Protein backbone atom coordinates (compact mmCIF):
# COMPACT_ATOMS: atom_id res chain seq x y z
CA MET A 1 152.77 -87.86 -23.07
CA THR A 2 151.73 -84.23 -23.17
CA THR A 3 148.37 -83.23 -21.92
CA HIS A 4 146.89 -79.67 -21.97
CA VAL A 5 144.50 -77.89 -19.55
CA LEU A 6 143.11 -74.76 -21.23
CA GLN A 7 144.59 -71.41 -19.07
CA ASP A 8 142.55 -68.47 -20.63
CA THR A 9 139.94 -68.12 -18.38
CA GLN A 10 138.58 -65.49 -20.82
CA THR A 11 138.14 -68.14 -23.01
CA LYS A 12 137.32 -71.09 -21.32
CA ASP A 13 134.31 -68.90 -20.17
CA ALA A 14 133.20 -67.65 -23.56
CA ILE A 15 133.12 -71.38 -24.42
CA SER A 16 131.10 -72.44 -21.64
CA LYS A 17 128.60 -69.90 -22.18
CA ARG A 18 128.12 -70.45 -25.86
CA LEU A 19 128.24 -74.41 -25.05
CA ARG A 20 125.18 -73.72 -22.34
CA ARG A 21 123.55 -71.40 -25.07
CA ALA A 22 123.61 -74.48 -27.32
CA HIS A 23 122.48 -76.86 -24.32
CA GLY A 24 119.14 -74.90 -24.43
CA GLN A 25 118.91 -74.77 -28.10
CA LEU A 26 119.05 -78.26 -28.45
CA GLY A 27 116.09 -78.64 -25.29
CA ALA A 28 113.93 -76.57 -27.88
CA VAL A 29 114.87 -78.68 -30.46
CA ILE A 30 113.62 -81.64 -28.62
CA ARG A 31 110.80 -79.71 -27.57
CA MET A 32 109.77 -78.99 -31.23
CA LEU A 33 110.11 -82.43 -32.54
CA ASP A 34 107.93 -83.56 -29.48
CA ASP A 35 105.16 -80.87 -30.02
CA GLY A 36 105.29 -82.32 -34.00
CA ARG A 37 106.68 -79.30 -35.64
CA ASP A 38 107.56 -78.30 -39.17
CA CYS A 39 110.77 -80.62 -40.37
CA GLN A 40 112.54 -77.68 -41.82
CA GLU A 41 112.11 -75.07 -38.62
CA ILE A 42 113.40 -78.35 -36.68
CA VAL A 43 116.32 -78.85 -38.66
CA THR A 44 117.34 -75.28 -38.99
CA GLN A 45 117.54 -74.93 -34.92
CA MET A 46 119.34 -78.39 -34.97
CA ALA A 47 122.08 -76.78 -37.65
CA ALA A 48 121.92 -73.96 -35.49
CA VAL A 49 122.91 -75.93 -32.34
CA ASP A 50 125.38 -77.60 -34.96
CA LYS A 51 127.13 -74.46 -35.54
CA ALA A 52 127.59 -73.27 -31.97
CA VAL A 53 129.11 -76.59 -30.62
CA THR A 54 131.86 -76.87 -33.71
CA ALA A 55 132.41 -73.27 -33.25
CA ALA A 56 133.36 -73.76 -29.75
CA ALA A 57 135.35 -76.54 -30.06
CA PHE A 58 137.27 -74.70 -32.85
CA THR A 59 137.36 -72.17 -30.37
CA LEU A 60 138.90 -74.43 -27.54
CA ILE A 61 141.46 -75.96 -29.91
CA SER A 62 143.07 -72.90 -31.47
CA THR A 63 143.35 -71.61 -27.90
CA SER A 64 144.91 -74.39 -26.48
CA LEU A 65 147.43 -74.25 -29.99
CA ARG A 66 148.25 -71.02 -29.05
CA GLU A 67 148.85 -71.90 -25.36
CA CYS A 68 150.70 -74.98 -26.31
CA PHE A 69 152.98 -73.13 -28.47
CA ALA A 70 153.34 -70.49 -25.98
CA ASN A 71 155.42 -73.26 -23.73
CA PRO A 72 158.42 -74.51 -24.87
CA THR A 73 158.90 -77.17 -22.43
CA LEU A 74 156.08 -79.30 -24.31
CA ASP A 75 157.46 -82.03 -26.90
CA GLU A 76 156.34 -80.16 -30.30
CA VAL A 77 156.15 -83.36 -32.21
CA ASP A 78 153.64 -85.16 -29.46
CA VAL A 79 151.75 -81.56 -29.42
CA THR A 80 151.04 -81.20 -33.06
CA ASN A 81 150.07 -84.97 -33.95
CA LYS A 82 147.51 -84.76 -30.70
CA LEU A 83 146.27 -81.34 -32.71
CA GLN A 84 146.27 -82.84 -35.60
CA LYS A 85 144.15 -85.57 -34.20
CA LEU A 86 141.71 -83.19 -32.68
CA PHE A 87 141.58 -80.88 -35.99
CA LEU A 88 140.36 -83.84 -37.90
CA SER A 89 137.70 -84.92 -34.96
CA MET A 90 136.12 -81.97 -36.08
CA ALA A 91 136.08 -82.77 -40.15
């Protein structure tokens, strides 16, 4: 079984920063809902959170893809199957 841990620390830091920002946005969405704010405003903020999390996930997958193909010792079929499942999980 092939496993992969992200090695690119710069990308890892960028993903973490994006997710922390999304975490803050999600907290704001919850407060908006609790405060009885306008539904359209809430949905707009929820969409922003969704986009941030999705972008972070695709960045993680694409970086993993680059790193896996740079490693010739990994099982190509196993890596391909796992990455395909990851991409499909985001669809």
